[in-house]
Amino acid sequence: MEESFLRLERVSLAIMEALEVAMGLPSGAFLGKMSPASNASEMRLLHYPELDVQEIRKGKVNRIWPHFDLGIITLLFQDGTGGLEFENREVPGTFCRVECGAYSDMIVNVSETLQRWTNNAIRAGLHRVNVPEYLEGKDTGILPERYSITYFCKANRDASVGVLKELMSEGMVPMYEDMTAIEYHTRRLQSAY
């Protein structure tokens, strides 16, 4: 598990370094806020137990309700059960399925910290886990177990999660106040729970 964590850390750093280059940012604009020595990232092994579809239809439980991740990016691996969906930004409130491929397929999701750093130029993905396609519209049946592995790449706790000054052109107004990652995460978790 530790080796997997370290590999996913390296992958997330490579993605963020590539994003720095693609956006014309100075070296370290992102990476300087996410050093391995102060890594605040998390890896989770998720198990969704078997569930009767009727429980979902009652509207009181769901696999995972729509939400945004708090970190920078999320790396996700899922089994073949299905159910992961992302909101269609062109038609808010509607969701598009993410097809299950090979177990080695990695889904990269933009999270809220990256949205804040880029002043909404790169937006976080609203997502949920719903019933698999073959049970869509059915009132009876059993949702099978589902497994996924997530690596939540996060900024160092003391790093700023305000808008990067390098992305602010003259006259542009930052959409997010400056605060540390730990302040932001604490605030968001308090509002959610």
Protein backbone atom coordinates (compact mmCIF):
# COMPACT_ATOMS: atom_id res chain seq x y z
CA MET A 1 0.00 0.00 0.00
CA GLU A 2 2.85 2.37 0.82
CA GLU A 3 4.45 1.68 -2.56
CA SER A 4 1.13 2.37 -4.29
CA PHE A 5 0.76 5.64 -2.38
CA LEU A 6 4.26 6.76 -3.44
CA ARG A 7 3.63 5.82 -7.08
CA LEU A 8 0.38 7.77 -7.14
CA GLU A 9 2.14 10.71 -5.51
CA ARG A 10 4.71 10.68 -8.35
CA VAL A 11 1.95 10.44 -10.96
CA SER A 12 0.07 13.39 -9.46
CA LEU A 13 3.27 15.48 -9.35
CA ALA A 14 3.95 14.65 -13.02
CA ILE A 15 0.41 15.69 -13.98
CA MET A 16 0.73 18.97 -12.11
CA GLU A 17 4.17 19.67 -13.60
CA ALA A 18 2.71 19.08 -17.09
CA LEU A 19 -0.13 21.46 -16.24
CA GLU A 20 2.38 24.13 -15.19
CA VAL A 21 4.04 23.81 -18.61
CA ALA A 22 0.72 23.76 -20.50
CA MET A 23 -0.47 26.90 -18.72
CA GLY A 24 2.83 28.73 -19.18
CA LEU A 25 3.38 28.99 -15.43
CA PRO A 26 6.80 29.26 -13.84
CA SER A 27 8.28 26.03 -12.58
CA GLY A 28 6.99 25.33 -9.08
CA ALA A 29 3.79 27.39 -9.36
CA PHE A 30 1.83 24.26 -8.43
CA LEU A 31 4.57 21.88 -7.35
CA GLY A 32 5.93 24.35 -4.80
CA LYS A 33 2.65 23.99 -2.90
CA MET A 34 2.67 20.19 -2.80
CA SER A 35 6.03 18.90 -1.65
CA PRO A 36 6.39 15.19 -0.83
CA ALA A 37 8.08 16.13 2.47
CA SER A 38 4.83 17.75 3.66
CA ASN A 39 2.41 15.53 1.78
CA ALA A 40 -1.17 15.97 3.02
CA SER A 41 -2.62 13.66 0.36
CA GLU A 42 -4.76 10.64 1.17
CA MET A 43 -5.36 7.25 -0.38
CA ARG A 44 -8.61 5.44 0.30
CA LEU A 45 -9.75 1.92 -0.45
CA LEU A 46 -13.51 2.15 -0.84
CA HIS A 47 -16.02 -0.67 -0.53
CA TYR A 48 -19.67 -0.10 -1.32
CA PRO A 49 -21.71 -2.98 0.13
CA GLU A 50 -24.43 -4.76 -1.77
CA LEU A 51 -27.64 -2.72 -1.64
CA ASP A 52 -31.26 -3.26 -2.66
CA VAL A 53 -32.30 -0.82 -5.45
CA GLN A 54 -35.52 -0.14 -3.53
CA GLU A 55 -33.44 1.58 -0.81
CA ILE A 56 -32.02 3.97 -3.41
CA ARG A 57 -35.47 4.64 -4.87
CA LYS A 58 -36.75 5.76 -1.45
CA GLY A 59 -34.34 8.71 -1.73
CA LYS A 60 -32.82 8.45 1.73
CA VAL A 61 -29.62 6.60 0.81
CA ASN A 62 -27.29 6.61 -2.17
CA ARG A 63 -23.93 5.15 -3.03
CA ILE A 64 -22.37 8.64 -2.92
CA TRP A 65 -24.32 11.89 -3.22
CA PRO A 66 -23.11 14.55 -5.69
CA HIS A 67 -20.00 16.32 -4.37
CA PHE A 68 -16.71 18.01 -5.26
CA ASP A 69 -13.38 16.74 -3.94
CA LEU A 70 -11.42 19.24 -1.82
CA GLY A 71 -7.85 18.65 -2.94
CA ILE A 72 -6.00 19.48 -6.17
CA ILE A 73 -6.76 16.42 -8.28
CA THR A 74 -8.12 12.96 -7.54
CA LEU A 75 -6.76 9.81 -9.16
CA LEU A 76 -9.41 7.08 -9.24
CA PHE A 77 -9.38 3.40 -10.11
CA GLN A 78 -12.69 1.52 -10.16
CA ASP A 79 -13.87 -2.03 -10.59
CA GLY A 80 -16.25 -3.11 -13.35
CA THR A 81 -19.46 -2.51 -11.37
CA GLY A 82 -20.09 0.99 -12.69
CA GLY A 83 -22.12 3.84 -11.31
CA LEU A 84 -19.62 6.74 -11.41
CA GLU A 85 -21.13 9.82 -13.04
CA PHE A 86 -20.00 13.43 -13.64
CA GLU A 87 -22.30 16.40 -14.04
CA ASN A 88 -22.79 17.68 -17.57
CA ARG A 89 -21.86 21.37 -17.19
CA GLU A 90 -23.86 22.32 -20.27
CA VAL A 91 -27.02 20.85 -18.70
CA PRO A 92 -26.64 21.35 -14.92
CA GLY A 93 -28.35 18.71 -12.84
CA THR A 94 -27.79 15.98 -15.42
CA PHE A 95 -25.01 13.43 -15.11
CA CYS A 96 -22.96 11.44 -17.61
CA ARG A 97 -21.71 7.93 -16.91
CA VAL A 98 -18.04 7.07 -16.81
CA GLU A 99 -17.62 3.75 -18.56
CA CYS A 100 -15.74 1.05 -16.72
CA GLY A 101 -12.65 0.01 -18.58
CA ALA A 102 -9.73 -2.07 -17.41
CA TYR A 103 -8.89 -2.08 -13.71
CA SER A 104 -5.69 -0.23 -14.63
CA ASP A 105 -7.61 2.70 -16.18
CA MET A 106 -7.05 5.86 -14.14
CA ILE A 107 -9.66 8.62 -13.98
CA VAL A 108 -8.26 12.09 -13.18
CA ASN A 109 -10.74 14.44 -11.55
CA VAL A 110 -10.13 18.16 -10.98
CA SER A 111 -10.77 19.13 -7.38
CA GLU A 112 -11.63 22.42 -5.65
CA THR A 113 -8.09 23.56 -4.80
CA LEU A 114 -7.07 23.54 -8.48
CA GLN A 115 -10.25 25.47 -9.30
CA ARG A 116 -9.32 28.07 -6.66
CA TRP A 117 -5.69 28.37 -7.85
CA THR A 118 -6.85 28.95 -11.44
CA ASN A 119 -9.67 31.37 -10.54
CA ASN A 120 -12.20 29.01 -12.18
CA ALA A 121 -10.20 28.61 -15.42
CA ILE A 122 -10.10 24.89 -14.56
CA ARG A 123 -13.25 23.85 -12.74
CA ALA A 124 -13.78 21.02 -10.30
CA GLY A 125 -15.90 18.07 -11.39
CA LEU A 126 -19.19 17.47 -9.58
CA HIS A 127 -19.59 13.71 -9.38
CA ARG A 128 -21.56 10.97 -7.71
CA VAL A 129 -21.86 7.20 -7.60
CA ASN A 130 -25.29 6.07 -8.75
CA VAL A 131 -26.85 2.79 -9.84
CA PRO A 132 -25.07 1.00 -12.70
CA GLU A 133 -26.54 1.42 -16.17
CA TYR A 134 -28.15 -2.03 -16.30
CA LEU A 135 -30.26 -1.14 -13.21
CA GLU A 136 -31.23 2.35 -14.39
CA GLY A 137 -35.00 2.81 -14.25
CA LYS A 138 -35.59 -0.45 -12.40
CA ASP A 139 -37.39 -0.57 -9.07
CA THR A 140 -36.14 -3.97 -8.05
CA GLY A 141 -32.78 -5.65 -8.04
CA ILE A 142 -29.60 -5.74 -6.06
CA LEU A 143 -26.73 -3.34 -6.56
CA PRO A 144 -23.62 -5.50 -6.37
CA GLU A 145 -20.62 -4.65 -4.23
CA ARG A 146 -18.41 -1.94 -5.68
CA TYR A 147 -14.74 -1.25 -5.02
CA SER A 148 -12.58 1.74 -5.90
CA ILE A 149 -9.20 3.16 -4.98
CA THR A 150 -8.79 6.92 -4.73
CA TYR A 151 -5.71 9.06 -4.29
CA PHE A 152 -6.67 12.57 -3.19
CA CYS A 153 -3.73 14.79 -4.14
CA LYS A 154 -3.74 17.72 -1.73
CA ALA A 155 -1.72 20.87 -1.19
CA ASN A 156 0.61 21.15 1.78
CA ARG A 157 -1.44 22.17 4.80
CA ASP A 158 0.28 25.57 5.07
CA ALA A 159 0.18 26.30 1.31
CA SER A 160 -2.03 29.08 -0.01
CA VAL A 161 -5.18 28.00 -1.83
CA GLY A 162 -5.90 31.50 -3.07
CA VAL A 163 -5.74 32.41 -6.77
CA LEU A 164 -2.23 32.20 -8.23
CA LYS A 165 -0.92 35.70 -8.92
CA GLU A 166 0.62 34.42 -12.17
CA LEU A 167 -2.89 33.79 -13.51
CA MET A 168 -4.27 37.21 -12.60
CA SER A 169 -4.21 39.67 -15.48
CA GLU A 170 -4.60 43.39 -14.87
CA GLY A 171 -8.11 44.28 -13.71
CA MET A 172 -9.00 40.66 -12.97
CA VAL A 173 -10.73 40.07 -9.65
CA PRO A 174 -9.83 36.97 -7.63
CA MET A 175 -12.92 34.84 -7.01
CA TYR A 176 -11.42 33.22 -3.90
CA GLU A 177 -9.93 34.63 -0.74
CA ASP A 178 -6.41 33.67 0.25
CA MET A 179 -6.13 31.11 3.04
CA THR A 180 -4.10 28.02 3.82
CA ALA A 181 -5.13 24.58 2.63
CA ILE A 182 -5.82 23.43 6.18
CA GLU A 183 -8.02 26.50 6.84
CA TYR A 184 -9.95 25.85 3.64
CA HIS A 185 -10.41 22.13 4.28
CA THR A 186 -11.48 22.75 7.87
CA ARG A 187 -14.02 25.35 6.74
CA ARG A 188 -15.42 23.10 4.01
CA LEU A 189 -15.69 20.06 6.28
CA GLN A 190 -17.43 22.11 9.00
CA SER A 191 -20.01 23.33 6.47
CA ALA A 192 -20.58 19.79 5.15
CA TYR A 193 -20.95 18.13 8.52
